[in-house]
Amino acid sequence: VLLTGWLASQLGWLLDASETENGL
């Protein structure tokens, strides 16, 4: 999850929803 957070923060991604069946 921290690796995901790093990618999201560095690339300007915004979390759409909490977890889905296949991930985020």
mmCIF file of all heavy atoms, coordinates in Angstrom:
data_MODEL
# 
_entry.id   MODEL 
# 
loop_
_atom_site.group_PDB 
_atom_site.id 
_atom_site.type_symbol 
_atom_site.label_atom_id 
_atom_site.label_alt_id 
_atom_site.label_comp_id 
_atom_site.label_asym_id 
_atom_site.label_entity_id 
_atom_site.label_seq_id 
_atom_site.pdbx_PDB_ins_code 
_atom_site.Cartn_x 
_atom_site.Cartn_y 
_atom_site.Cartn_z 
_atom_site.occupancy 
_atom_site.B_iso_or_equiv 
_atom_site.pdbx_formal_charge 
_atom_site.auth_seq_id 
_atom_site.auth_comp_id 
_atom_site.auth_asym_id 
_atom_site.auth_atom_id 
_atom_site.pdbx_PDB_model_num 
ATOM 1   N N   . VAL A 1 1  ? 0.840   -1.201  0.000   1.00 0.00 ? 1  VAL A N   1 
ATOM 2   C CA  . VAL A 1 1  ? 0.000   0.000   0.000   1.00 0.00 ? 1  VAL A CA  1 
ATOM 3   C C   . VAL A 1 1  ? 0.874   1.250   0.000   1.00 0.00 ? 1  VAL A C   1 
ATOM 4   O O   . VAL A 1 1  ? 0.578   2.233   -0.696  1.00 0.00 ? 1  VAL A O   1 
ATOM 5   C CB  . VAL A 1 1  ? -0.985  -0.009  1.190   1.00 0.00 ? 1  VAL A CB  1 
ATOM 6   C CG1 . VAL A 1 1  ? -1.684  1.329   1.342   1.00 0.00 ? 1  VAL A CG1 1 
ATOM 7   C CG2 . VAL A 1 1  ? -2.010  -1.124  1.011   1.00 0.00 ? 1  VAL A CG2 1 
ATOM 8   N N   . LEU A 1 2  ? 1.985   1.243   0.753   1.00 0.00 ? 2  LEU A N   1 
ATOM 9   C CA  . LEU A 1 2  ? 2.890   2.396   0.744   1.00 0.00 ? 2  LEU A CA  1 
ATOM 10  C C   . LEU A 1 2  ? 3.523   2.600   -0.630  1.00 0.00 ? 2  LEU A C   1 
ATOM 11  O O   . LEU A 1 2  ? 3.691   3.743   -1.082  1.00 0.00 ? 2  LEU A O   1 
ATOM 12  C CB  . LEU A 1 2  ? 3.980   2.241   1.801   1.00 0.00 ? 2  LEU A CB  1 
ATOM 13  C CG  . LEU A 1 2  ? 3.578   2.584   3.221   1.00 0.00 ? 2  LEU A CG  1 
ATOM 14  C CD1 . LEU A 1 2  ? 4.703   2.243   4.193   1.00 0.00 ? 2  LEU A CD1 1 
ATOM 15  C CD2 . LEU A 1 2  ? 3.188   4.046   3.346   1.00 0.00 ? 2  LEU A CD2 1 
ATOM 16  N N   . LEU A 1 3  ? 3.871   1.514   -1.314  1.00 0.00 ? 3  LEU A N   1 
ATOM 17  C CA  . LEU A 1 3  ? 4.407   1.637   -2.667  1.00 0.00 ? 3  LEU A CA  1 
ATOM 18  C C   . LEU A 1 3  ? 3.352   2.248   -3.590  1.00 0.00 ? 3  LEU A C   1 
ATOM 19  O O   . LEU A 1 3  ? 3.650   3.130   -4.405  1.00 0.00 ? 3  LEU A O   1 
ATOM 20  C CB  . LEU A 1 3  ? 4.874   0.277   -3.199  1.00 0.00 ? 3  LEU A CB  1 
ATOM 21  C CG  . LEU A 1 3  ? 5.513   0.273   -4.587  1.00 0.00 ? 3  LEU A CG  1 
ATOM 22  C CD1 . LEU A 1 3  ? 6.719   1.216   -4.657  1.00 0.00 ? 3  LEU A CD1 1 
ATOM 23  C CD2 . LEU A 1 3  ? 5.919   -1.147  -4.963  1.00 0.00 ? 3  LEU A CD2 1 
ATOM 24  N N   . THR A 1 4  ? 2.108   1.816   -3.442  1.00 0.00 ? 4  THR A N   1 
ATOM 25  C CA  . THR A 1 4  ? 1.000   2.397   -4.201  1.00 0.00 ? 4  THR A CA  1 
ATOM 26  C C   . THR A 1 4  ? 0.861   3.882   -3.882  1.00 0.00 ? 4  THR A C   1 
ATOM 27  O O   . THR A 1 4  ? 0.693   4.707   -4.787  1.00 0.00 ? 4  THR A O   1 
ATOM 28  C CB  . THR A 1 4  ? -0.314  1.662   -3.864  1.00 0.00 ? 4  THR A CB  1 
ATOM 29  O OG1 . THR A 1 4  ? -0.165  0.274   -4.151  1.00 0.00 ? 4  THR A OG1 1 
ATOM 30  C CG2 . THR A 1 4  ? -1.476  2.227   -4.650  1.00 0.00 ? 4  THR A CG2 1 
ATOM 31  N N   . GLY A 1 5  ? 0.941   4.238   -2.593  1.00 0.00 ? 5  GLY A N   1 
ATOM 32  C CA  . GLY A 1 5  ? 0.839   5.634   -2.184  1.00 0.00 ? 5  GLY A CA  1 
ATOM 33  C C   . GLY A 1 5  ? 1.947   6.483   -2.782  1.00 0.00 ? 5  GLY A C   1 
ATOM 34  O O   . GLY A 1 5  ? 1.722   7.633   -3.180  1.00 0.00 ? 5  GLY A O   1 
ATOM 35  N N   . TRP A 1 6  ? 3.159   5.922   -2.852  1.00 0.00 ? 6  TRP A N   1 
ATOM 36  C CA  . TRP A 1 6  ? 4.278   6.644   -3.455  1.00 0.00 ? 6  TRP A CA  1 
ATOM 37  C C   . TRP A 1 6  ? 3.992   6.929   -4.931  1.00 0.00 ? 6  TRP A C   1 
ATOM 38  O O   . TRP A 1 6  ? 4.160   8.061   -5.393  1.00 0.00 ? 6  TRP A O   1 
ATOM 39  C CB  . TRP A 1 6  ? 5.573   5.845   -3.294  1.00 0.00 ? 6  TRP A CB  1 
ATOM 40  C CG  . TRP A 1 6  ? 6.729   6.435   -4.027  1.00 0.00 ? 6  TRP A CG  1 
ATOM 41  C CD1 . TRP A 1 6  ? 7.407   7.581   -3.715  1.00 0.00 ? 6  TRP A CD1 1 
ATOM 42  C CD2 . TRP A 1 6  ? 7.345   5.919   -5.209  1.00 0.00 ? 6  TRP A CD2 1 
ATOM 43  N NE1 . TRP A 1 6  ? 8.413   7.804   -4.632  1.00 0.00 ? 6  TRP A NE1 1 
ATOM 44  C CE2 . TRP A 1 6  ? 8.398   6.789   -5.560  1.00 0.00 ? 6  TRP A CE2 1 
ATOM 45  C CE3 . TRP A 1 6  ? 7.119   4.795   -5.989  1.00 0.00 ? 6  TRP A CE3 1 
ATOM 46  C CZ2 . TRP A 1 6  ? 9.209   6.580   -6.663  1.00 0.00 ? 6  TRP A CZ2 1 
ATOM 47  C CZ3 . TRP A 1 6  ? 7.923   4.575   -7.094  1.00 0.00 ? 6  TRP A CZ3 1 
ATOM 48  C CH2 . TRP A 1 6  ? 8.959   5.462   -7.417  1.00 0.00 ? 6  TRP A CH2 1 
ATOM 49  N N   . LEU A 1 7  ? 3.570   5.898   -5.673  1.00 0.00 ? 7  LEU A N   1 
ATOM 50  C CA  . LEU A 1 7  ? 3.244   6.102   -7.087  1.00 0.00 ? 7  LEU A CA  1 
ATOM 51  C C   . LEU A 1 7  ? 2.149   7.154   -7.240  1.00 0.00 ? 7  LEU A C   1 
ATOM 52  O O   . LEU A 1 7  ? 2.268   8.077   -8.054  1.00 0.00 ? 7  LEU A O   1 
ATOM 53  C CB  . LEU A 1 7  ? 2.806   4.778   -7.729  1.00 0.00 ? 7  LEU A CB  1 
ATOM 54  C CG  . LEU A 1 7  ? 3.900   3.748   -7.974  1.00 0.00 ? 7  LEU A CG  1 
ATOM 55  C CD1 . LEU A 1 7  ? 3.282   2.388   -8.299  1.00 0.00 ? 7  LEU A CD1 1 
ATOM 56  C CD2 . LEU A 1 7  ? 4.832   4.194   -9.079  1.00 0.00 ? 7  LEU A CD2 1 
ATOM 57  N N   . ALA A 1 8  ? 1.096   7.023   -6.443  1.00 0.00 ? 8  ALA A N   1 
ATOM 58  C CA  . ALA A 1 8  ? -0.035  7.953   -6.542  1.00 0.00 ? 8  ALA A CA  1 
ATOM 59  C C   . ALA A 1 8  ? 0.384   9.387   -6.228  1.00 0.00 ? 8  ALA A C   1 
ATOM 60  O O   . ALA A 1 8  ? 0.033   10.319  -6.951  1.00 0.00 ? 8  ALA A O   1 
ATOM 61  C CB  . ALA A 1 8  ? -1.165  7.503   -5.613  1.00 0.00 ? 8  ALA A CB  1 
ATOM 62  N N   . SER A 1 9  ? 1.153   9.566   -5.171  1.00 0.00 ? 9  SER A N   1 
ATOM 63  C CA  . SER A 1 9  ? 1.539   10.922  -4.785  1.00 0.00 ? 9  SER A CA  1 
ATOM 64  C C   . SER A 1 9  ? 2.506   11.545  -5.780  1.00 0.00 ? 9  SER A C   1 
ATOM 65  O O   . SER A 1 9  ? 2.405   12.729  -6.102  1.00 0.00 ? 9  SER A O   1 
ATOM 66  C CB  . SER A 1 9  ? 2.131   10.937  -3.377  1.00 0.00 ? 9  SER A CB  1 
ATOM 67  O OG  . SER A 1 9  ? 3.377   10.274  -3.328  1.00 0.00 ? 9  SER A OG  1 
ATOM 68  N N   . GLN A 1 10 ? 3.424   10.758  -6.310  1.00 0.00 ? 10 GLN A N   1 
ATOM 69  C CA  . GLN A 1 10 ? 4.400   11.287  -7.258  1.00 0.00 ? 10 GLN A CA  1 
ATOM 70  C C   . GLN A 1 10 ? 3.770   11.598  -8.618  1.00 0.00 ? 10 GLN A C   1 
ATOM 71  O O   . GLN A 1 10 ? 4.219   12.497  -9.320  1.00 0.00 ? 10 GLN A O   1 
ATOM 72  C CB  . GLN A 1 10 ? 5.562   10.309  -7.439  1.00 0.00 ? 10 GLN A CB  1 
ATOM 73  C CG  . GLN A 1 10 ? 6.393   10.091  -6.177  1.00 0.00 ? 10 GLN A CG  1 
ATOM 74  C CD  . GLN A 1 10 ? 6.974   11.378  -5.634  1.00 0.00 ? 10 GLN A CD  1 
ATOM 75  O OE1 . GLN A 1 10 ? 6.453   11.983  -4.711  1.00 0.00 ? 10 GLN A OE1 1 
ATOM 76  N NE2 . GLN A 1 10 ? 8.058   11.820  -6.223  1.00 0.00 ? 10 GLN A NE2 1 
ATOM 77  N N   . LEU A 1 11 ? 2.743   10.840  -8.989  1.00 0.00 ? 11 LEU A N   1 
ATOM 78  C CA  . LEU A 1 11 ? 2.140   10.994  -10.314 1.00 0.00 ? 11 LEU A CA  1 
ATOM 79  C C   . LEU A 1 11 ? 0.825   11.759  -10.293 1.00 0.00 ? 11 LEU A C   1 
ATOM 80  O O   . LEU A 1 11 ? 0.182   11.924  -11.335 1.00 0.00 ? 11 LEU A O   1 
ATOM 81  C CB  . LEU A 1 11 ? 1.952   9.611   -10.957 1.00 0.00 ? 11 LEU A CB  1 
ATOM 82  C CG  . LEU A 1 11 ? 3.263   8.848   -11.178 1.00 0.00 ? 11 LEU A CG  1 
ATOM 83  C CD1 . LEU A 1 11 ? 2.994   7.432   -11.664 1.00 0.00 ? 11 LEU A CD1 1 
ATOM 84  C CD2 . LEU A 1 11 ? 4.173   9.596   -12.141 1.00 0.00 ? 11 LEU A CD2 1 
ATOM 85  N N   . GLY A 1 12 ? 0.412   12.215  -9.115  1.00 0.00 ? 12 GLY A N   1 
ATOM 86  C CA  . GLY A 1 12 ? -0.799  13.027  -9.010  1.00 0.00 ? 12 GLY A CA  1 
ATOM 87  C C   . GLY A 1 12 ? -2.089  12.251  -9.160  1.00 0.00 ? 12 GLY A C   1 
ATOM 88  O O   . GLY A 1 12 ? -3.115  12.805  -9.556  1.00 0.00 ? 12 GLY A O   1 
ATOM 89  N N   . TRP A 1 13 ? -2.075  10.956  -8.819  1.00 0.00 ? 13 TRP A N   1 
ATOM 90  C CA  . TRP A 1 13 ? -3.290  10.161  -8.890  1.00 0.00 ? 13 TRP A CA  1 
ATOM 91  C C   . TRP A 1 13 ? -4.134  10.414  -7.651  1.00 0.00 ? 13 TRP A C   1 
ATOM 92  O O   . TRP A 1 13 ? -3.617  10.576  -6.550  1.00 0.00 ? 13 TRP A O   1 
ATOM 93  C CB  . TRP A 1 13 ? -2.976  8.672   -8.938  1.00 0.00 ? 13 TRP A CB  1 
ATOM 94  C CG  . TRP A 1 13 ? -2.121  8.207   -10.071 1.00 0.00 ? 13 TRP A CG  1 
ATOM 95  C CD1 . TRP A 1 13 ? -1.809  8.881   -11.223 1.00 0.00 ? 13 TRP A CD1 1 
ATOM 96  C CD2 . TRP A 1 13 ? -1.463  6.947   -10.158 1.00 0.00 ? 13 TRP A CD2 1 
ATOM 97  N NE1 . TRP A 1 13 ? -1.001  8.110   -12.021 1.00 0.00 ? 13 TRP A NE1 1 
ATOM 98  C CE2 . TRP A 1 13 ? -0.772  6.916   -11.383 1.00 0.00 ? 13 TRP A CE2 1 
ATOM 99  C CE3 . TRP A 1 13 ? -1.385  5.854   -9.318  1.00 0.00 ? 13 TRP A CE3 1 
ATOM 100 C CZ2 . TRP A 1 13 ? -0.018  5.826   -11.782 1.00 0.00 ? 13 TRP A CZ2 1 
ATOM 101 C CZ3 . TRP A 1 13 ? -0.634  4.759   -9.716  1.00 0.00 ? 13 TRP A CZ3 1 
ATOM 102 C CH2 . TRP A 1 13 ? 0.033   4.743   -10.943 1.00 0.00 ? 13 TRP A CH2 1 
ATOM 103 N N   . LEU A 1 14 ? -5.448  10.384  -7.822  1.00 0.00 ? 14 LEU A N   1 
ATOM 104 C CA  . LEU A 1 14 ? -6.377  10.516  -6.710  1.00 0.00 ? 14 LEU A CA  1 
ATOM 105 C C   . LEU A 1 14 ? -7.141  9.214   -6.541  1.00 0.00 ? 14 LEU A C   1 
ATOM 106 O O   . LEU A 1 14 ? -7.615  8.632   -7.529  1.00 0.00 ? 14 LEU A O   1 
ATOM 107 C CB  . LEU A 1 14 ? -7.356  11.661  -6.958  1.00 0.00 ? 14 LEU A CB  1 
ATOM 108 C CG  . LEU A 1 14 ? -6.724  13.045  -7.083  1.00 0.00 ? 14 LEU A CG  1 
ATOM 109 C CD1 . LEU A 1 14 ? -7.776  14.078  -7.459  1.00 0.00 ? 14 LEU A CD1 1 
ATOM 110 C CD2 . LEU A 1 14 ? -6.016  13.426  -5.799  1.00 0.00 ? 14 LEU A CD2 1 
ATOM 111 N N   . LEU A 1 15 ? -7.277  8.763   -5.301  1.00 0.00 ? 15 LEU A N   1 
ATOM 112 C CA  . LEU A 1 15 ? -7.996  7.525   -5.002  1.00 0.00 ? 15 LEU A CA  1 
ATOM 113 C C   . LEU A 1 15 ? -9.462  7.697   -5.384  1.00 0.00 ? 15 LEU A C   1 
ATOM 114 O O   . LEU A 1 15 ? -10.119 8.632   -4.934  1.00 0.00 ? 15 LEU A O   1 
ATOM 115 C CB  . LEU A 1 15 ? -7.849  7.192   -3.516  1.00 0.00 ? 15 LEU A CB  1 
ATOM 116 C CG  . LEU A 1 15 ? -8.351  5.854   -3.035  1.00 0.00 ? 15 LEU A CG  1 
ATOM 117 C CD1 . LEU A 1 15 ? -7.603  4.707   -3.719  1.00 0.00 ? 15 LEU A CD1 1 
ATOM 118 C CD2 . LEU A 1 15 ? -8.183  5.744   -1.521  1.00 0.00 ? 15 LEU A CD2 1 
ATOM 119 N N   . ASP A 1 16 ? -9.971  6.813   -6.262  1.00 0.00 ? 16 ASP A N   1 
ATOM 120 C CA  . ASP A 1 16 ? -11.363 6.870   -6.709  1.00 0.00 ? 16 ASP A CA  1 
ATOM 121 C C   . ASP A 1 16 ? -12.312 6.385   -5.637  1.00 0.00 ? 16 ASP A C   1 
ATOM 122 O O   . ASP A 1 16 ? -13.347 6.972   -5.401  1.00 0.00 ? 16 ASP A O   1 
ATOM 123 C CB  . ASP A 1 16 ? -11.566 5.986   -7.943  1.00 0.00 ? 16 ASP A CB  1 
ATOM 124 C CG  . ASP A 1 16 ? -11.440 6.754   -9.231  1.00 0.00 ? 16 ASP A CG  1 
ATOM 125 O OD1 . ASP A 1 16 ? -11.315 7.986   -9.184  1.00 0.00 ? 16 ASP A OD1 1 
ATOM 126 O OD2 . ASP A 1 16 ? -11.454 6.114   -10.289 1.00 0.00 ? 16 ASP A OD2 1 
ATOM 127 N N   . ALA A 1 17 ? -11.985 5.274   -5.070  1.00 0.00 ? 17 ALA A N   1 
ATOM 128 C CA  . ALA A 1 17 ? -12.840 4.635   -4.070  1.00 0.00 ? 17 ALA A CA  1 
ATOM 129 C C   . ALA A 1 17 ? -11.926 3.803   -3.206  1.00 0.00 ? 17 ALA A C   1 
ATOM 130 O O   . ALA A 1 17 ? -10.761 3.612   -3.516  1.00 0.00 ? 17 ALA A O   1 
ATOM 131 C CB  . ALA A 1 17 ? -13.878 3.748   -4.760  1.00 0.00 ? 17 ALA A CB  1 
ATOM 132 N N   . SER A 1 18 ? -12.476 3.303   -2.133  1.00 0.00 ? 18 SER A N   1 
ATOM 133 C CA  . SER A 1 18 ? -11.656 2.388   -1.356  1.00 0.00 ? 18 SER A CA  1 
ATOM 134 C C   . SER A 1 18 ? -11.475 1.115   -2.170  1.00 0.00 ? 18 SER A C   1 
ATOM 135 O O   . SER A 1 18 ? -11.786 1.076   -3.349  1.00 0.00 ? 18 SER A O   1 
ATOM 136 C CB  . SER A 1 18 ? -12.282 2.126   0.011   1.00 0.00 ? 18 SER A CB  1 
ATOM 137 O OG  . SER A 1 18 ? -13.583 1.618   -0.146  1.00 0.00 ? 18 SER A OG  1 
ATOM 138 N N   . GLU A 1 19 ? -11.043 0.091   -1.548  1.00 0.00 ? 19 GLU A N   1 
ATOM 139 C CA  . GLU A 1 19 ? -10.668 -1.124  -2.272  1.00 0.00 ? 19 GLU A CA  1 
ATOM 140 C C   . GLU A 1 19 ? -11.804 -1.704  -3.099  1.00 0.00 ? 19 GLU A C   1 
ATOM 141 O O   . GLU A 1 19 ? -12.953 -1.658  -2.715  1.00 0.00 ? 19 GLU A O   1 
ATOM 142 C CB  . GLU A 1 19 ? -10.177 -2.168  -1.281  1.00 0.00 ? 19 GLU A CB  1 
ATOM 143 C CG  . GLU A 1 19 ? -8.913  -1.737  -0.588  1.00 0.00 ? 19 GLU A CG  1 
ATOM 144 C CD  . GLU A 1 19 ? -8.397  -2.776  0.347   1.00 0.00 ? 19 GLU A CD  1 
ATOM 145 O OE1 . GLU A 1 19 ? -7.957  -3.829  -0.136  1.00 0.00 ? 19 GLU A OE1 1 
ATOM 146 O OE2 . GLU A 1 19 ? -8.442  -2.531  1.551   1.00 0.00 ? 19 GLU A OE2 1 
ATOM 147 N N   . THR A 1 20 ? -11.429 -2.241  -4.264  1.00 0.00 ? 20 THR A N   1 
ATOM 148 C CA  . THR A 1 20 ? -12.359 -2.983  -5.106  1.00 0.00 ? 20 THR A CA  1 
ATOM 149 C C   . THR A 1 20 ? -11.979 -4.449  -4.991  1.00 0.00 ? 20 THR A C   1 
ATOM 150 O O   . THR A 1 20 ? -10.994 -4.792  -4.341  1.00 0.00 ? 20 THR A O   1 
ATOM 151 C CB  . THR A 1 20 ? -12.255 -2.531  -6.584  1.00 0.00 ? 20 THR A CB  1 
ATOM 152 O OG1 . THR A 1 20 ? -10.965 -2.908  -7.077  1.00 0.00 ? 20 THR A OG1 1 
ATOM 153 C CG2 . THR A 1 20 ? -12.461 -1.033  -6.717  1.00 0.00 ? 20 THR A CG2 1 
ATOM 154 N N   . GLU A 1 21 ? -12.710 -5.295  -5.647  1.00 0.00 ? 21 GLU A N   1 
ATOM 155 C CA  . GLU A 1 21 ? -12.423 -6.733  -5.605  1.00 0.00 ? 21 GLU A CA  1 
ATOM 156 C C   . GLU A 1 21 ? -11.024 -7.038  -6.125  1.00 0.00 ? 21 GLU A C   1 
ATOM 157 O O   . GLU A 1 21 ? -10.347 -7.925  -5.643  1.00 0.00 ? 21 GLU A O   1 
ATOM 158 C CB  . GLU A 1 21 ? -13.471 -7.482  -6.435  1.00 0.00 ? 21 GLU A CB  1 
ATOM 159 C CG  . GLU A 1 21 ? -13.320 -8.988  -6.374  1.00 0.00 ? 21 GLU A CG  1 
ATOM 160 C CD  . GLU A 1 21 ? -14.392 -9.685  -7.172  1.00 0.00 ? 21 GLU A CD  1 
ATOM 161 O OE1 . GLU A 1 21 ? -15.573 -9.290  -7.047  1.00 0.00 ? 21 GLU A OE1 1 
ATOM 162 O OE2 . GLU A 1 21 ? -14.052 -10.616 -7.925  1.00 0.00 ? 21 GLU A OE2 1 
ATOM 163 N N   . ASN A 1 22 ? -10.568 -6.283  -7.118  1.00 0.00 ? 22 ASN A N   1 
ATOM 164 C CA  . ASN A 1 22 ? -9.268  -6.544  -7.742  1.00 0.00 ? 22 ASN A CA  1 
ATOM 165 C C   . ASN A 1 22 ? -8.174  -5.603  -7.274  1.00 0.00 ? 22 ASN A C   1 
ATOM 166 O O   . ASN A 1 22 ? -7.099  -5.592  -7.858  1.00 0.00 ? 22 ASN A O   1 
ATOM 167 C CB  . ASN A 1 22 ? -9.397  -6.459  -9.265  1.00 0.00 ? 22 ASN A CB  1 
ATOM 168 C CG  . ASN A 1 22 ? -10.293 -7.534  -9.820  1.00 0.00 ? 22 ASN A CG  1 
ATOM 169 O OD1 . ASN A 1 22 ? -10.283 -8.659  -9.342  1.00 0.00 ? 22 ASN A OD1 1 
ATOM 170 N ND2 . ASN A 1 22 ? -11.087 -7.184  -10.805 1.00 0.00 ? 22 ASN A ND2 1 
ATOM 171 N N   . GLY A 1 23 ? -8.400  -4.787  -6.283  1.00 0.00 ? 23 GLY A N   1 
ATOM 172 C CA  . GLY A 1 23 ? -7.366  -3.885  -5.808  1.00 0.00 ? 23 GLY A CA  1 
ATOM 173 C C   . GLY A 1 23 ? -7.884  -2.484  -5.580  1.00 0.00 ? 23 GLY A C   1 
ATOM 174 O O   . GLY A 1 23 ? -8.897  -2.291  -4.934  1.00 0.00 ? 23 GLY A O   1 
ATOM 175 N N   . LEU A 1 24 ? -7.186  -1.506  -6.169  1.00 0.00 ? 24 LEU A N   1 
ATOM 176 C CA  . LEU A 1 24 ? -7.509  -0.099  -5.971  1.00 0.00 ? 24 LEU A CA  1 
ATOM 177 C C   . LEU A 1 24 ? -7.691  0.582   -7.317  1.00 0.00 ? 24 LEU A C   1 
ATOM 178 O O   . LEU A 1 24 ? -7.142  0.140   -8.318  1.00 0.00 ? 24 LEU A O   1 
ATOM 179 C CB  . LEU A 1 24 ? -6.378  0.593   -5.201  1.00 0.00 ? 24 LEU A CB  1 
ATOM 180 C CG  . LEU A 1 24 ? -5.972  -0.043  -3.874  1.00 0.00 ? 24 LEU A CG  1 
ATOM 181 C CD1 . LEU A 1 24 ? -4.691  0.592   -3.357  1.00 0.00 ? 24 LEU A CD1 1 
ATOM 182 C CD2 . LEU A 1 24 ? -7.087  0.099   -2.855  1.00 0.00 ? 24 LEU A CD2 1 
# 
